[in-house]
Amino acid sequence: MDEKAIRRYAGLMKELGLTGLEITEDNRKVRLERSAAVPAGENVYPLSGSFGTPSAEPEQKDYISVKSPVVGVFYAAPAENSGPYVSIGDRVTRGQTLCVVEAMKLMNEIAAEEDGVISEICVTDGQVVEYGTELFRMKR
């Protein structure tokens, strides 16, 4: 594979936000990797019921459904031996971190989009979540 082709693939990786790409061509295998340099704060996802896939049943108006914007692993606490970001009954404010979802070795902080009270934690620590998985229910 020539340098021009490698540069073209590297540009495609950057455009699509990929951190790795493996190409097999003429019994040769080339693996391109790059670090995901994300500016601070860019991987914070404010959520509301508008994110995720539409549900078959309408949401109750007195609840805010917080859903995962990415596929990854749900972590309730910032570190293994520390307390959770939030617990049932906690009052949270807009912008407050609720949890972290690890996706492709990046820790994505999930922040509250509105003020409310945590009424239900819908997933367990270490659980793999899909795009649109309900993580929390908050009372307004």
Protein backbone atom coordinates (compact mmCIF):
# COMPACT_ATOMS: atom_id res chain seq x y z
CA MET A 1 0.00 0.00 0.00
CA ASP A 2 1.45 3.37 -0.94
CA GLU A 3 1.75 6.49 1.20
CA LYS A 4 -1.03 8.28 -0.71
CA ALA A 5 -3.53 5.52 0.15
CA ILE A 6 -2.47 5.52 3.80
CA ARG A 7 -2.93 9.31 3.98
CA ARG A 8 -6.37 8.96 2.38
CA TYR A 9 -7.39 6.36 5.01
CA ALA A 10 -5.98 8.54 7.80
CA GLY A 11 -8.09 11.45 6.54
CA LEU A 12 -11.16 9.20 6.45
CA MET A 13 -10.46 8.12 10.06
CA LYS A 14 -10.30 11.75 11.18
CA GLU A 15 -13.48 12.66 9.27
CA LEU A 16 -15.43 9.77 10.81
CA GLY A 17 -13.91 10.13 14.29
CA LEU A 18 -12.35 6.66 14.24
CA THR A 19 -9.42 5.75 16.47
CA GLY A 20 -8.46 2.58 14.60
CA LEU A 21 -8.76 1.08 11.14
CA GLU A 22 -7.46 -2.19 9.69
CA ILE A 23 -7.16 -2.67 5.93
CA THR A 24 -6.32 -5.94 4.17
CA GLU A 25 -5.20 -5.57 0.58
CA ASP A 26 -3.29 -8.09 -1.58
CA ASN A 27 -2.49 -10.34 1.41
CA ARG A 28 -1.03 -7.36 3.29
CA LYS A 29 -2.57 -6.02 6.43
CA VAL A 30 -2.19 -2.39 7.58
CA ARG A 31 -3.52 -1.16 10.92
CA LEU A 32 -3.84 2.59 11.52
CA GLU A 33 -4.40 3.93 15.03
CA ARG A 34 -4.61 7.43 16.41
CA SER A 35 -5.30 8.85 19.83
CA ALA A 36 -8.69 10.45 20.27
CA ALA A 37 -7.66 13.96 21.23
CA VAL A 38 -10.93 15.34 22.55
CA PRO A 39 -10.92 18.89 23.91
CA ALA A 40 -11.84 19.09 27.59
CA GLY A 41 -15.59 19.08 28.14
CA GLU A 42 -16.42 17.96 24.60
CA ASN A 43 -17.41 14.48 25.75
CA VAL A 44 -20.02 15.72 28.24
CA TYR A 45 -23.51 14.82 27.06
CA PRO A 46 -26.47 16.72 28.49
CA LEU A 47 -29.55 14.55 28.22
CA SER A 48 -33.27 14.81 28.18
CA GLY A 49 -36.16 12.70 26.97
CA SER A 50 -35.51 14.00 23.45
CA PHE A 51 -32.32 11.91 23.13
CA GLY A 52 -32.40 8.28 22.14
CA THR A 53 -34.91 6.31 20.22
CA PRO A 54 -38.57 7.21 20.57
CA SER A 55 -40.36 4.91 22.98
CA ALA A 56 -43.58 3.12 22.17
CA GLU A 57 -45.25 4.51 25.27
CA PRO A 58 -45.37 8.25 25.95
CA GLU A 59 -43.27 9.44 28.87
CA GLN A 60 -45.01 10.68 31.98
CA LYS A 61 -44.93 14.46 32.14
CA ASP A 62 -43.72 14.55 35.74
CA TYR A 63 -40.61 12.47 34.91
CA ILE A 64 -37.47 13.18 32.96
CA SER A 65 -35.98 10.12 31.28
CA VAL A 66 -32.17 10.27 31.03
CA LYS A 67 -30.94 8.03 28.21
CA SER A 68 -27.49 6.99 27.01
CA PRO A 69 -26.24 8.88 23.94
CA VAL A 70 -23.63 6.18 23.21
CA VAL A 71 -23.02 2.44 23.40
CA GLY A 72 -20.66 1.64 26.26
CA VAL A 73 -20.23 0.59 29.88
CA PHE A 74 -22.20 2.44 32.59
CA TYR A 75 -20.28 3.53 35.68
CA ALA A 76 -22.16 5.03 38.63
CA ALA A 77 -19.02 6.31 40.39
CA PRO A 78 -15.90 8.20 39.27
CA ALA A 79 -13.60 5.48 40.66
CA GLU A 80 -13.91 1.90 41.89
CA ASN A 81 -13.64 2.71 45.60
CA SER A 82 -15.59 5.97 45.65
CA GLY A 83 -19.25 6.73 46.17
CA PRO A 84 -21.70 7.07 43.27
CA TYR A 85 -22.25 10.39 41.52
CA VAL A 86 -25.94 10.27 42.49
CA SER A 87 -28.30 8.09 44.53
CA ILE A 88 -32.07 7.71 44.62
CA GLY A 89 -33.58 10.75 46.31
CA ASP A 90 -30.70 13.11 45.43
CA ARG A 91 -31.63 16.55 44.12
CA VAL A 92 -29.59 17.35 41.00
CA THR A 93 -29.08 20.56 39.10
CA ARG A 94 -28.64 21.23 35.41
CA GLY A 95 -25.12 20.33 34.30
CA GLN A 96 -24.40 18.06 37.27
CA THR A 97 -22.67 14.78 36.36
CA LEU A 98 -24.96 11.79 36.87
CA CYS A 99 -22.68 8.98 35.67
CA VAL A 100 -20.02 8.03 33.15
CA VAL A 101 -20.42 5.84 30.07
CA GLU A 102 -17.13 4.43 28.79
CA ALA A 103 -17.10 4.14 25.01
CA MET A 104 -13.97 3.16 23.09
CA LYS A 105 -11.74 3.90 26.11
CA LEU A 106 -13.21 7.41 26.49
CA MET A 107 -15.04 8.31 29.68
CA ASN A 108 -18.15 10.27 28.68
CA GLU A 109 -19.71 12.22 31.52
CA ILE A 110 -23.49 12.20 31.38
CA ALA A 111 -24.90 15.43 32.81
CA ALA A 112 -28.42 16.41 33.84
CA GLU A 113 -30.13 18.72 31.39
CA GLU A 114 -32.74 19.86 33.92
CA ASP A 115 -33.06 20.20 37.69
CA GLY A 116 -34.82 17.31 39.39
CA VAL A 117 -34.73 14.50 41.93
CA ILE A 118 -33.37 11.04 41.09
CA SER A 119 -36.31 8.67 41.48
CA GLU A 120 -34.93 5.57 39.75
CA ILE A 121 -31.57 4.23 38.58
CA CYS A 122 -32.46 1.92 35.70
CA VAL A 123 -29.11 0.17 35.13
CA THR A 124 -26.42 -1.40 37.30
CA ASP A 125 -22.78 -0.41 37.66
CA GLY A 126 -20.64 -2.07 34.98
CA GLN A 127 -23.61 -2.87 32.74
CA VAL A 128 -23.20 -2.49 28.97
CA VAL A 129 -25.76 0.02 27.67
CA GLU A 130 -26.97 0.66 24.15
CA TYR A 131 -27.77 3.96 22.49
CA GLY A 132 -31.07 5.14 23.96
CA THR A 133 -30.98 2.90 27.06
CA GLU A 134 -32.78 4.61 29.93
CA LEU A 135 -30.21 5.29 32.67
CA PHE A 136 -32.21 7.37 35.17
CA ARG A 137 -35.69 8.68 35.84
CA MET A 138 -35.92 12.03 37.55
CA LYS A 139 -38.90 13.81 39.08
CA ARG A 140 -39.24 17.41 37.99
